[in-house]
N, C-alpha and C. Protein backbone atom coordinates (compact mmCIF):
# COMPACT_ATOMS: atom_id res chain seq x y z
N MET A 1 20.93 -5.93 1.74
CA MET A 1 20.14 -7.54 0.80
C MET A 1 19.26 -6.31 0.42
N LEU A 2 18.15 -6.98 0.10
CA LEU A 2 17.53 -6.32 -0.96
C LEU A 2 16.04 -6.42 0.25
N ALA A 3 15.22 -5.40 -0.47
CA ALA A 3 14.14 -4.84 0.19
C ALA A 3 13.29 -5.51 -0.92
N TYR A 4 12.12 -5.49 -0.67
CA TYR A 4 10.74 -6.44 -1.83
C TYR A 4 9.53 -5.29 -1.09
N CYS A 5 9.22 -4.32 -0.68
CA CYS A 5 8.36 -3.53 0.04
C CYS A 5 7.64 -3.07 -1.79
N ASP A 6 8.21 -2.57 -3.30
CA ASP A 6 7.33 -3.03 -4.43
C ASP A 6 6.71 -4.13 -4.62
N TYR A 7 7.25 -4.71 -4.58
CA TYR A 7 6.67 -6.04 -4.63
C TYR A 7 5.93 -6.71 -3.73
N ILE A 8 5.66 -6.20 -2.64
CA ILE A 8 5.17 -6.89 -1.96
C ILE A 8 3.69 -5.93 -1.74
N ALA A 9 4.12 -4.71 -1.54
CA ALA A 9 2.60 -3.71 -1.68
C ALA A 9 2.01 -4.13 -3.00
N ASP A 10 2.48 -4.48 -3.94
CA ASP A 10 2.00 -4.89 -5.82
C ASP A 10 0.96 -6.10 -5.90
N GLU A 11 1.61 -6.77 -5.23
CA GLU A 11 0.94 -8.26 -4.53
C GLU A 11 -0.67 -8.12 -3.21
N ILE A 12 0.02 -7.04 -2.47
CA ILE A 12 -1.39 -6.79 -1.63
C ILE A 12 -3.10 -5.75 -2.68
N ASN A 13 -2.16 -5.17 -3.41
CA ASN A 13 -2.93 -4.40 -4.44
C ASN A 13 -3.59 -5.33 -5.62
N VAL A 14 -2.84 -6.45 -5.90
CA VAL A 14 -3.33 -7.20 -7.06
C VAL A 14 -4.72 -8.40 -6.34
N LEU A 15 -3.71 -8.58 -4.93
CA LEU A 15 -5.17 -9.71 -3.80
C LEU A 15 -6.32 -8.87 -3.26
N PHE A 16 -6.45 -7.40 -3.08
CA PHE A 16 -7.32 -7.00 -2.88
C PHE A 16 -8.31 -6.06 -3.94
N TRP A 17 -8.05 -5.81 -5.56
CA TRP A 17 -8.61 -5.64 -6.18
C TRP A 17 -9.26 -7.53 -6.46
N SER A 18 -8.75 -8.12 -6.44
CA SER A 18 -9.46 -9.75 -6.72
C SER A 18 -10.35 -9.93 -5.83
N GLN A 19 -10.48 -9.17 -4.59
CA GLN A 19 -11.57 -10.07 -3.95
C GLN A 19 -12.91 -9.21 -3.91
N GLN A 20 -12.81 -8.29 -5.30
CA GLN A 20 -13.64 -7.35 -5.17
C GLN A 20 -14.95 -7.56 -4.60
N SER A 21 -15.47 -8.82 -5.19
CA SER A 21 -16.91 -9.89 -5.03
C SER A 21 -17.07 -9.91 -3.36
N GLU A 22 -16.49 -9.84 -2.73
CA GLU A 22 -16.50 -10.14 -1.24
C GLU A 22 -17.40 -8.38 -1.00
N ALA A 23 -17.33 -7.67 -1.81
CA ALA A 23 -17.78 -5.96 -1.17
C ALA A 23 -17.54 -5.11 -0.39
N ILE A 24 -16.56 -5.99 0.64
CA ILE A 24 -16.41 -5.58 2.28
C ILE A 24 -15.21 -4.76 1.65
N ILE A 25 -14.32 -4.29 0.56
CA ILE A 25 -13.76 -3.21 0.13
C ILE A 25 -14.45 -2.92 -0.77
N THR A 26 -14.95 -1.97 -0.66
CA THR A 26 -15.42 -1.33 -2.06
C THR A 26 -14.41 -0.20 -2.72
N LYS A 27 -13.44 0.39 -2.63
CA LYS A 27 -12.42 1.15 -2.70
C LYS A 27 -10.66 0.69 -2.64
N VAL A 28 -10.08 0.50 -4.35
CA VAL A 28 -8.67 0.01 -3.27
C VAL A 28 -7.91 0.95 -3.86
N GLY A 29 -6.89 2.06 -3.50
CA GLY A 29 -6.50 2.82 -4.20
C GLY A 29 -5.13 2.83 -4.56
N ASN A 30 -4.62 3.56 -5.40
CA ASN A 30 -2.76 3.17 -5.86
C ASN A 30 -2.56 3.10 -5.29
N VAL A 31 -0.89 2.06 -5.49
CA VAL A 31 0.10 1.96 -4.67
C VAL A 31 1.33 3.30 -4.33
N GLU A 32 1.27 4.44 -3.14
CA GLU A 32 1.66 5.12 -3.12
C GLU A 32 3.21 5.05 -2.84
N TYR A 33 4.25 5.64 -3.11
CA TYR A 33 5.46 6.10 -2.74
C TYR A 33 5.93 6.99 -1.53
N ASP A 34 7.27 7.01 -0.81
CA ASP A 34 7.41 7.59 0.30
C ASP A 34 8.78 8.60 -0.82
N LEU A 35 8.06 9.80 -1.23
CA LEU A 35 8.23 10.73 -1.77
C LEU A 35 8.64 12.25 -0.96
N HIS A 36 10.14 12.94 -1.03
CA HIS A 36 9.98 13.78 -0.88
C HIS A 36 8.55 14.95 -1.47
N PRO A 37 8.36 15.44 -0.49
CA PRO A 37 6.87 16.59 -0.75
C PRO A 37 7.61 17.55 -1.40
N GLU A 38 8.47 17.73 -1.36
CA GLU A 38 9.18 19.35 -2.52
C GLU A 38 9.82 19.03 -3.64
N GLN A 39 11.19 18.01 -3.52
CA GLN A 39 11.48 17.56 -4.64
C GLN A 39 11.33 16.22 -5.43
N GLY A 40 10.19 15.21 -4.55
CA GLY A 40 9.88 14.02 -5.17
C GLY A 40 11.49 13.08 -5.30
N TRP A 41 12.66 13.01 -4.62
CA TRP A 41 12.95 12.11 -4.55
C TRP A 41 12.38 10.88 -3.55
N MET A 42 12.93 9.60 -3.58
CA MET A 42 12.69 8.64 -3.03
C MET A 42 12.97 8.86 -1.19
N MET A 43 12.63 9.09 -0.72
CA MET A 43 12.59 9.06 0.66
C MET A 43 13.40 7.34 2.19
N SER A 44 12.29 6.78 1.23
CA SER A 44 12.36 5.07 1.54
C SER A 44 11.69 4.31 0.67
N THR A 45 12.17 3.40 1.28
CA THR A 45 11.46 2.17 0.33
C THR A 45 9.45 1.28 1.07
N LYS A 46 10.26 2.76 1.82
CA LYS A 46 8.21 2.58 2.94
C LYS A 46 6.73 2.50 1.35
N LYS A 47 5.81 1.73 1.19
CA LYS A 47 5.03 1.90 0.91
C LYS A 47 3.10 2.14 0.93
N THR A 48 2.23 2.36 0.68
CA THR A 48 1.10 3.05 1.27
C THR A 48 0.05 2.77 -0.38
N ILE A 49 -1.31 2.23 0.62
CA ILE A 49 -1.79 2.11 0.08
C ILE A 49 -3.69 2.08 0.57
N LYS A 50 -4.30 2.84 0.04
CA LYS A 50 -5.52 3.39 0.95
C LYS A 50 -6.82 2.59 0.76
N LEU A 51 -7.44 2.05 1.25
CA LEU A 51 -8.67 1.06 1.27
C LEU A 51 -9.62 1.71 1.56
N THR A 52 -11.11 1.45 0.70
CA THR A 52 -12.44 2.12 1.69
C THR A 52 -13.23 0.82 2.41
N ASP A 53 -14.14 0.78 3.39
CA ASP A 53 -15.31 -0.25 3.37
C ASP A 53 -16.15 0.39 3.06
N MET A 54 -17.57 -1.05 3.29
CA MET A 54 -18.44 -0.32 2.57
C MET A 54 -19.05 0.82 3.33
N ASN A 55 -18.36 1.01 4.43
CA ASN A 55 -19.24 2.25 5.21
C ASN A 55 -18.89 3.64 4.84
N GLY A 56 -17.76 3.48 4.24
CA GLY A 56 -17.13 4.44 3.35
C GLY A 56 -16.05 4.79 4.57
N LYS A 57 -15.21 3.98 5.40
CA LYS A 57 -14.33 3.76 6.65
C LYS A 57 -13.22 3.46 5.73
N ILE A 58 -12.12 4.60 5.66
CA ILE A 58 -10.83 4.90 5.19
C ILE A 58 -9.37 3.98 5.88
N TYR A 59 -9.09 3.10 5.59
CA TYR A 59 -7.54 2.49 6.11
C TYR A 59 -6.97 2.99 5.01
N ARG A 60 -5.22 2.26 5.41
CA ARG A 60 -4.10 2.78 5.03
C ARG A 60 -3.04 1.82 5.66
N VAL A 61 -3.13 0.39 4.28
CA VAL A 61 -1.61 -0.15 4.29
C VAL A 61 -0.50 0.42 4.21
N THR A 62 0.30 -0.24 5.16
CA THR A 62 1.16 0.13 5.31
C THR A 62 2.10 -0.98 4.71
N VAL A 63 3.34 -0.61 3.29
CA VAL A 63 4.17 -2.24 3.68
C VAL A 63 5.70 -1.26 3.88
N GLU A 64 6.62 -1.77 4.99
CA GLU A 64 8.14 -1.27 5.55
C GLU A 64 8.79 -1.32 5.91
N GLU A 65 9.87 -2.39 5.09
CA GLU A 65 11.19 -3.23 5.63
C GLU A 65 11.57 -2.22 7.57
N ILE A 66 11.82 -2.91 8.43
CA ILE A 66 12.41 -3.49 9.43
C ILE A 66 13.41 -3.36 9.45
N ASP A 67 14.60 -3.22 10.36
CA ASP A 67 15.88 -3.69 11.01
C ASP A 67 15.39 -4.68 12.11
N ASN A 68 16.36 -5.50 11.83
CA ASN A 68 16.45 -7.28 12.86
C ASN A 68 16.47 -6.67 13.99
N VAL A 69 15.25 -7.22 14.39
CA VAL A 69 15.82 -6.56 16.42
C VAL A 69 16.98 -7.45 16.86
């Protein structure tokens, strides 16, 4: 089965950027990939996005496929 982590993370990123007029979220980072720290190959399809709110608190939004339980 295909995983859509890239697509979902991109949609979340676009949504946060389009809601900037709300001013609660003041900074939206780029989509980060789960890469091997030394050799750079993809370890999983997990994607993360860092956000900053109007008070300077940083959040991490993670998109990760999970196995059906």
